[in-house]
PDB file of N, CA and C in Angstrom:
ATOM      1  N   MET A   1      95.885  60.903  94.823  1.00  0.00           N
ATOM      2  CA  MET A   1      94.762  60.633  93.984  1.00  0.00           C
ATOM      3  C   MET A   1      93.752  61.595  94.193  1.00  0.00           C
ATOM      4  N   ASP A   2      93.170  62.062  93.225  1.00  0.00           N
ATOM      5  CA  ASP A   2      92.097  63.159  93.005  1.00  0.00           C
ATOM      6  C   ASP A   2      90.900  62.733  94.063  1.00  0.00           C
ATOM      7  N   GLU A   3      90.330  63.452  94.810  1.00  0.00           N
ATOM      8  CA  GLU A   3      89.267  63.077  95.686  1.00  0.00           C
ATOM      9  C   GLU A   3      87.909  62.677  94.923  1.00  0.00           C
ATOM     10  N   LEU A   4      87.577  63.376  93.979  1.00  0.00           N
ATOM     11  CA  LEU A   4      86.564  63.128  93.090  1.00  0.00           C
ATOM     12  C   LEU A   4      86.716  61.929  92.428  1.00  0.00           C
ATOM     13  N   LYS A   5      87.836  61.540  91.781  1.00  0.00           N
ATOM     14  CA  LYS A   5      88.154  60.352  91.138  1.00  0.00           C
ATOM     15  C   LYS A   5      87.949  59.141  91.908  1.00  0.00           C
ATOM     16  N   GLU A   6      88.451  59.415  93.166  1.00  0.00           N
ATOM     17  CA  GLU A   6      88.536  58.215  94.249  1.00  0.00           C
ATOM     18  C   GLU A   6      86.814  58.046  94.710  1.00  0.00           C
ATOM     19  N   PHE A   7      86.186  59.132  94.765  1.00  0.00           N
ATOM     20  CA  PHE A   7      84.878  58.927  95.138  1.00  0.00           C
ATOM     21  C   PHE A   7      84.135  58.186  94.146  1.00  0.00           C
ATOM     22  N   ILE A   8      84.253  58.522  92.641  1.00  0.00           N
ATOM     23  CA  ILE A   8      83.563  58.045  91.568  1.00  0.00           C
ATOM     24  C   ILE A   8      83.907  56.493  91.609  1.00  0.00           C
ATOM     25  N   GLN A   9      85.225  56.155  91.747  1.00  0.00           N
ATOM     26  CA  GLN A   9      85.777  54.726  91.607  1.00  0.00           C
ATOM     27  C   GLN A   9      85.068  53.945  92.830  1.00  0.00           C
ATOM     28  N   ASN A  10      84.969  54.588  94.040  1.00  0.00           N
ATOM     29  CA  ASN A  10      84.238  53.850  95.007  1.00  0.00           C
ATOM     30  C   ASN A  10      82.901  53.570  94.903  1.00  0.00           C
ATOM     31  N   GLU A  11      82.089  54.598  94.393  1.00  0.00           N
ATOM     32  CA  GLU A  11      80.730  54.532  93.958  1.00  0.00           C
ATOM     33  C   GLU A  11      80.547  53.440  92.787  1.00  0.00           C
ATOM     34  N   LEU A  12      81.393  53.410  92.033  1.00  0.00           N
ATOM     35  CA  LEU A  12      81.195  52.317  90.851  1.00  0.00           C
ATOM     36  C   LEU A  12      81.458  50.942  91.500  1.00  0.00           C
ATOM     37  N   LYS A  13      82.279  50.838  92.399  1.00  0.00           N
ATOM     38  CA  LYS A  13      82.586  49.611  92.970  1.00  0.00           C
ATOM     39  C   LYS A  13      81.429  49.048  93.716  1.00  0.00           C
ATOM     40  N   GLU A  14      80.633  50.090  94.497  1.00  0.00           N
ATOM     41  CA  GLU A  14      79.527  49.839  95.160  1.00  0.00           C
ATOM     42  C   GLU A  14      78.347  49.379  94.187  1.00  0.00           C
ATOM     43  N   LEU A  15      78.361  50.041  93.054  1.00  0.00           N
ATOM     44  CA  LEU A  15      77.253  49.789  92.013  1.00  0.00           C
ATOM     45  C   LEU A  15      77.304  48.635  91.145  1.00  0.00           C
ATOM     46  N   ILE A  16      78.730  48.175  90.887  1.00  0.00           N
ATOM     47  CA  ILE A  16      78.992  46.964  89.846  1.00  0.00           C
ATOM     48  C   ILE A  16      79.879  45.940  90.447  1.00  0.00           C
ATOM     49  N   PHE A  17      80.125  46.171  91.807  1.00  0.00           N
ATOM     50  CA  PHE A  17      80.938  45.073  92.470  1.00  0.00           C
ATOM     51  C   PHE A  17      82.152  44.721  91.730  1.00  0.00           C
ATOM     52  N   LYS A  18      82.889  45.764  91.313  1.00  0.00           N
ATOM     53  CA  LYS A  18      84.205  45.587  90.648  1.00  0.00           C
ATOM     54  C   LYS A  18      85.003  46.755  90.709  1.00  0.00           C
ATOM     55  N   THR A  19      86.276  46.916  90.685  1.00  0.00           N
ATOM     56  CA  THR A  19      87.138  48.032  90.688  1.00  0.00           C
ATOM     57  C   THR A  19      87.287  48.526  89.248  1.00  0.00           C
ATOM     58  N   VAL A  20      87.039  49.742  89.017  1.00  0.00           N
ATOM     59  CA  VAL A  20      87.292  50.327  87.506  1.00  0.00           C
ATOM     60  C   VAL A  20      88.531  51.107  87.478  1.00  0.00           C
ATOM     61  N   ASP A  21      89.260  51.042  86.469  1.00  0.00           N
ATOM     62  CA  ASP A  21      90.386  51.994  86.276  1.00  0.00           C
ATOM     63  C   ASP A  21      89.899  53.256  85.834  1.00  0.00           C
ATOM     64  N   PHE A  22      90.768  54.205  85.969  1.00  0.00           N
ATOM     65  CA  PHE A  22      90.452  55.617  85.698  1.00  0.00           C
ATOM     66  C   PHE A  22      90.046  55.852  84.176  1.00  0.00           C
ATOM     67  N   ASP A  23      90.676  55.095  83.294  1.00  0.00           N
ATOM     68  CA  ASP A  23      90.383  55.306  81.935  1.00  0.00           C
ATOM     69  C   ASP A  23      89.627  54.073  81.208  1.00  0.00           C
ATOM     70  N   GLU A  24      89.050  53.200  82.148  1.00  0.00           N
ATOM     71  CA  GLU A  24      88.381  51.991  81.568  1.00  0.00           C
ATOM     72  C   GLU A  24      86.889  52.551  81.091  1.00  0.00           C
ATOM     73  N   PRO A  25      86.483  52.151  79.903  1.00  0.00           N
ATOM     74  CA  PRO A  25      85.237  52.614  79.369  1.00  0.00           C
ATOM     75  C   PRO A  25      84.175  52.062  80.117  1.00  0.00           C
ATOM     76  N   LEU A  26      83.072  52.880  80.285  1.00  0.00           N
ATOM     77  CA  LEU A  26      81.928  52.590  81.047  1.00  0.00           C
ATOM     78  C   LEU A  26      80.727  52.400  80.415  1.00  0.00           C
ATOM     79  N   ILE A  27      80.469  53.181  79.349  1.00  0.00           N
ATOM     80  CA  ILE A  27      79.252  53.227  78.753  1.00  0.00           C
ATOM     81  C   ILE A  27      79.222  52.314  77.481  1.00  0.00           C
ATOM     82  N   SER A  28      80.307  52.553  76.602  1.00  0.00           N
ATOM     83  CA  SER A  28      80.359  51.802  75.397  1.00  0.00           C
ATOM     84  C   SER A  28      80.557  50.192  75.665  1.00  0.00           C
ATOM     85  N   THR A  29      81.105  49.885  76.735  1.00  0.00           N
ATOM     86  CA  THR A  29      81.331  48.525  77.110  1.00  0.00           C
ATOM     87  C   THR A  29      80.245  48.001  77.845  1.00  0.00           C
ATOM     88  N   LYS A  30      79.233  48.777  78.249  1.00  0.00           N
ATOM     89  CA  LYS A  30      77.968  48.524  79.022  1.00  0.00           C
ATOM     90  C   LYS A  30      78.287  47.949  80.338  1.00  0.00           C
ATOM     91  N   VAL A  31      79.352  48.581  80.904  1.00  0.00           N
ATOM     92  CA  VAL A  31      79.724  48.444  82.278  1.00  0.00           C
ATOM     93  C   VAL A  31      78.504  49.099  83.072  1.00  0.00           C
ATOM     94  N   LEU A  32      78.239  50.209  82.615  1.00  0.00           N
ATOM     95  CA  LEU A  32      77.087  51.019  83.274  1.00  0.00           C
ATOM     96  C   LEU A  32      75.858  50.960  82.356  1.00  0.00           C
ATOM     97  N   ASP A  33      74.694  50.536  82.837  1.00  0.00           N
ATOM     98  CA  ASP A  33      73.575  50.705  82.089  1.00  0.00           C
ATOM     99  C   ASP A  33      72.812  52.109  82.563  1.00  0.00           C
ATOM    100  N   SER A  34      71.645  52.259  81.891  1.00  0.00           N
ATOM    101  CA  SER A  34      71.113  53.613  82.287  1.00  0.00           C
ATOM    102  C   SER A  34      70.609  53.862  83.752  1.00  0.00           C
ATOM    103  N   ILE A  35      70.198  52.679  84.424  1.00  0.00           N
ATOM    104  CA  ILE A  35      69.891  52.837  85.754  1.00  0.00           C
ATOM    105  C   ILE A  35      71.004  53.109  86.634  1.00  0.00           C
ATOM    106  N   LEU A  36      72.027  52.395  86.417  1.00  0.00           N
ATOM    107  CA  LEU A  36      73.354  52.619  87.306  1.00  0.00           C
ATOM    108  C   LEU A  36      74.016  53.897  86.948  1.00  0.00           C
ATOM    109  N   LEU A  37      73.724  54.299  85.738  1.00  0.00           N
ATOM    110  CA  LEU A  37      74.327  55.729  85.398  1.00  0.00           C
ATOM    111  C   LEU A  37      73.714  56.837  86.228  1.00  0.00           C
ATOM    112  N   VAL A  38      72.304  56.687  86.224  1.00  0.00           N
ATOM    113  CA  VAL A  38      71.579  57.739  87.176  1.00  0.00           C
ATOM    114  C   VAL A  38      71.857  57.681  88.407  1.00  0.00           C
ATOM    115  N   ASP A  39      72.036  56.431  89.007  1.00  0.00           N
ATOM    116  CA  ASP A  39      72.510  56.402  90.461  1.00  0.00           C
ATOM    117  C   ASP A  39      73.889  56.948  90.521  1.00  0.00           C
ATOM    118  N   LEU A  40      74.808  56.766  89.849  1.00  0.00           N
ATOM    119  CA  LEU A  40      76.089  57.398  89.688  1.00  0.00           C
ATOM    120  C   LEU A  40      75.870  58.828  89.744  1.00  0.00           C
ATOM    121  N   ILE A  41      75.077  59.504  88.908  1.00  0.00           N
ATOM    122  CA  ILE A  41      75.029  60.847  88.596  1.00  0.00           C
ATOM    123  C   ILE A  41      74.522  61.532  89.913  1.00  0.00           C
ATOM    124  N   VAL A  42      73.435  60.912  90.552  1.00  0.00           N
ATOM    125  CA  VAL A  42      72.949  61.421  91.698  1.00  0.00           C
ATOM    126  C   VAL A  42      73.984  61.525  92.794  1.00  0.00           C
ATOM    127  N   ALA A  43      74.787  60.517  92.982  1.00  0.00           N
ATOM    128  CA  ALA A  43      75.848  60.451  93.946  1.00  0.00           C
ATOM    129  C   ALA A  43      76.837  61.612  93.686  1.00  0.00           C
ATOM    130  N   ILE A  44      77.134  61.648  92.447  1.00  0.00           N
ATOM    131  CA  ILE A  44      78.220  62.815  92.004  1.00  0.00           C
ATOM    132  C   ILE A  44      77.746  64.070  92.327  1.00  0.00           C
ATOM    133  N   GLU A  45      76.380  64.334  91.927  1.00  0.00           N
ATOM    134  CA  GLU A  45      75.843  65.723  92.253  1.00  0.00           C
ATOM    135  C   GLU A  45      75.827  66.023  93.740  1.00  0.00           C
ATOM    136  N   GLU A  46      75.505  65.053  94.639  1.00  0.00           N
ATOM    137  CA  GLU A  46      75.523  65.306  95.962  1.00  0.00           C
ATOM    138  C   GLU A  46      76.864  65.461  96.487  1.00  0.00           C
ATOM    139  N   PHE A  47      77.888  64.646  96.094  1.00  0.00           N
ATOM    140  CA  PHE A  47      79.165  64.877  96.479  1.00  0.00           C
ATOM    141  C   PHE A  47      79.886  66.097  96.115  1.00  0.00           C
ATOM    142  N   ALA A  48      79.630  66.393  94.749  1.00  0.00           N
ATOM    143  CA  ALA A  48      80.354  67.606  94.250  1.00  0.00           C
ATOM    144  C   ALA A  48      79.694  68.841  94.384  1.00  0.00           C
ATOM    145  N   ASP A  49      78.422  68.786  94.858  1.00  0.00           N
ATOM    146  CA  ASP A  49      77.532  69.904  94.942  1.00  0.00           C
ATOM    147  C   ASP A  49      77.416  70.660  93.562  1.00  0.00           C
ATOM    148  N   VAL A  50      76.973  69.890  92.488  1.00  0.00           N
ATOM    149  CA  VAL A  50      76.670  70.396  91.190  1.00  0.00           C
ATOM    150  C   VAL A  50      75.432  69.781  90.758  1.00  0.00           C
ATOM    151  N   SER A  51      74.882  70.328  89.709  1.00  0.00           N
ATOM    152  CA  SER A  51      73.719  69.978  88.933  1.00  0.00           C
ATOM    153  C   SER A  51      74.191  69.671  87.517  1.00  0.00           C
ATOM    154  N   ILE A  52      73.913  68.327  87.050  1.00  0.00           N
ATOM    155  CA  ILE A  52      74.313  68.017  85.855  1.00  0.00           C
ATOM    156  C   ILE A  52      73.031  67.870  84.959  1.00  0.00           C
ATOM    157  N   PRO A  53      73.129  68.721  83.848  1.00  0.00           N
ATOM    158  CA  PRO A  53      72.060  68.824  82.843  1.00  0.00           C
ATOM    159  C   PRO A  53      71.873  67.506  82.223  1.00  0.00           C
ATOM    160  N   ALA A  54      70.576  66.935  82.123  1.00  0.00           N
ATOM    161  CA  ALA A  54      70.286  65.628  81.421  1.00  0.00           C
ATOM    162  C   ALA A  54      70.866  65.544  80.170  1.00  0.00           C
ATOM    163  N   GLY A  55      70.695  66.603  79.377  1.00  0.00           N
ATOM    164  CA  GLY A  55      71.339  66.507  77.925  1.00  0.00           C
ATOM    165  C   GLY A  55      72.856  66.394  77.838  1.00  0.00           C
ATOM    166  N   GLU A  56      73.504  66.428  79.027  1.00  0.00           N
ATOM    167  CA  GLU A  56      75.036  66.398  78.901  1.00  0.00           C
ATOM    168  C   GLU A  56      75.433  64.997  79.428  1.00  0.00           C
ATOM    169  N   VAL A  57      74.456  64.107  79.758  1.00  0.00           N
ATOM    170  CA  VAL A  57      74.732  62.804  80.144  1.00  0.00           C
ATOM    171  C   VAL A  57      75.084  61.812  78.812  1.00  0.00           C
ATOM    172  N   ASN A  58      76.212  61.744  78.434  1.00  0.00           N
ATOM    173  CA  ASN A  58      76.464  61.049  77.430  1.00  0.00           C
ATOM    174  C   ASN A  58      78.039  60.541  77.323  1.00  0.00           C
ATOM    175  N   GLU A  59      78.387  59.764  76.388  1.00  0.00           N
ATOM    176  CA  GLU A  59      79.629  59.137  76.409  1.00  0.00           C
ATOM    177  C   GLU A  59      80.732  60.250  76.365  1.00  0.00           C
ATOM    178  N   GLU A  60      80.642  61.167  75.739  1.00  0.00           N
ATOM    179  CA  GLU A  60      81.661  62.351  75.790  1.00  0.00           C
ATOM    180  C   GLU A  60      81.962  62.733  77.137  1.00  0.00           C
ATOM    181  N   TYR A  61      81.134  62.912  77.963  1.00  0.00           N
ATOM    182  CA  TYR A  61      81.490  63.265  79.350  1.00  0.00           C
ATOM    183  C   TYR A  61      81.411  62.132  80.460  1.00  0.00           C
ATOM    184  N   PHE A  62      80.857  61.129  80.077  1.00  0.00           N
ATOM    185  CA  PHE A  62      80.599  59.828  81.177  1.00  0.00           C
ATOM    186  C   PHE A  62      81.308  58.592  80.887  1.00  0.00           C
ATOM    187  N   GLU A  63      82.236  58.777  79.845  1.00  0.00           N
ATOM    188  CA  GLU A  63      82.760  57.131  79.372  1.00  0.00           C
ATOM    189  C   GLU A  63      83.828  56.599  80.330  1.00  0.00           C
ATOM    190  N   THR A  64      84.541  57.486  80.931  1.00  0.00           N
ATOM    191  CA  THR A  64      85.562  57.046  81.938  1.00  0.00           C
ATOM    192  C   THR A  64      85.634  58.043  83.161  1.00  0.00           C
ATOM    193  N   ILE A  65      86.079  57.399  84.275  1.00  0.00           N
ATOM    194  CA  ILE A  65      86.272  58.072  85.560  1.00  0.00           C
ATOM    195  C   ILE A  65      87.123  59.558  85.230  1.00  0.00           C
ATOM    196  N   ASN A  66      88.050  59.471  84.260  1.00  0.00           N
ATOM    197  CA  ASN A  66      88.819  60.659  84.104  1.00  0.00           C
ATOM    198  C   ASN A  66      88.070  61.697  83.357  1.00  0.00           C
ATOM    199  N   LYS A  67      87.254  61.212  82.392  1.00  0.00           N
ATOM    200  CA  LYS A  67      86.358  62.178  81.604  1.00  0.00           C
ATOM    201  C   LYS A  67      85.228  62.702  82.617  1.00  0.00           C
ATOM    202  N   ILE A  68      84.635  61.955  83.379  1.00  0.00           N
ATOM    203  CA  ILE A  68      83.702  62.508  84.376  1.00  0.00           C
ATOM    204  C   ILE A  68      84.169  63.489  85.275  1.00  0.00           C
ATOM    205  N   SER A  69      85.367  63.234  85.959  1.00  0.00           N
ATOM    206  CA  SER A  69      86.063  64.200  86.638  1.00  0.00           C
ATOM    207  C   SER A  69      86.298  65.448  85.997  1.00  0.00           C
ATOM    208  N   GLU A  70      86.908  65.456  84.776  1.00  0.00           N
ATOM    209  CA  GLU A  70      87.197  66.507  83.979  1.00  0.00           C
ATOM    210  C   GLU A  70      85.887  67.398  83.738  1.00  0.00           C
ATOM    211  N   TYR A  71      84.729  66.767  83.525  1.00  0.00           N
ATOM    212  CA  TYR A  71      83.393  67.358  83.135  1.00  0.00           C
ATOM    213  C   TYR A  71      82.868  68.135  84.433  1.00  0.00           C
ATOM    214  N   ILE A  72      83.031  67.374  85.509  1.00  0.00           N
ATOM    215  CA  ILE A  72      82.491  67.876  86.712  1.00  0.00           C
ATOM    216  C   ILE A  72      83.177  69.237  87.171  1.00  0.00           C
ATOM    217  N   TYR A  73      84.590  69.228  87.009  1.00  0.00           N
ATOM    218  CA  TYR A  73      85.411  70.249  87.382  1.00  0.00           C
ATOM    219  C   TYR A  73      84.993  71.429  86.345  1.00  0.00           C
ATOM    220  N   SER A  74      84.611  71.163  85.218  1.00  0.00           N
ATOM    221  CA  SER A  74      84.108  72.138  84.301  1.00  0.00           C
ATOM    222  C   SER A  74      82.983  72.923  84.635  1.00  0.00           C
ATOM    223  N   LEU A  75      82.172  72.268  85.443  1.00  0.00           N
ATOM    224  CA  LEU A  75      80.739  72.970  85.865  1.00  0.00           C
ATOM    225  C   LEU A  75      80.882  73.827  87.028  1.00  0.00           C
ATOM    226  N   LYS A  76      82.092  73.778  87.715  1.00  0.00           N
ATOM    227  CA  LYS A  76      82.354  74.606  88.909  1.00  0.00           C
ATOM    228  C   LYS A  76      82.894  76.035  88.565  1.00  0.00           C
TER     229      LYS A  76
END
């Protein structure tokens, strides 16, 4: 399992108290609200040592763990 995906999955479990599959929708299904999304982004930025532009925080990049992981790797 990819280390970043595992990290995101664990962070989500701490934020929402449930395990999320890698392809489970997060934003469109309201699993994540705006506050939880910000918390997740801060944790990802620290873990992956990246800076995520606010304008790119949207469903296109943050809808699933797989999409988040692909997006973060594109920043490196």
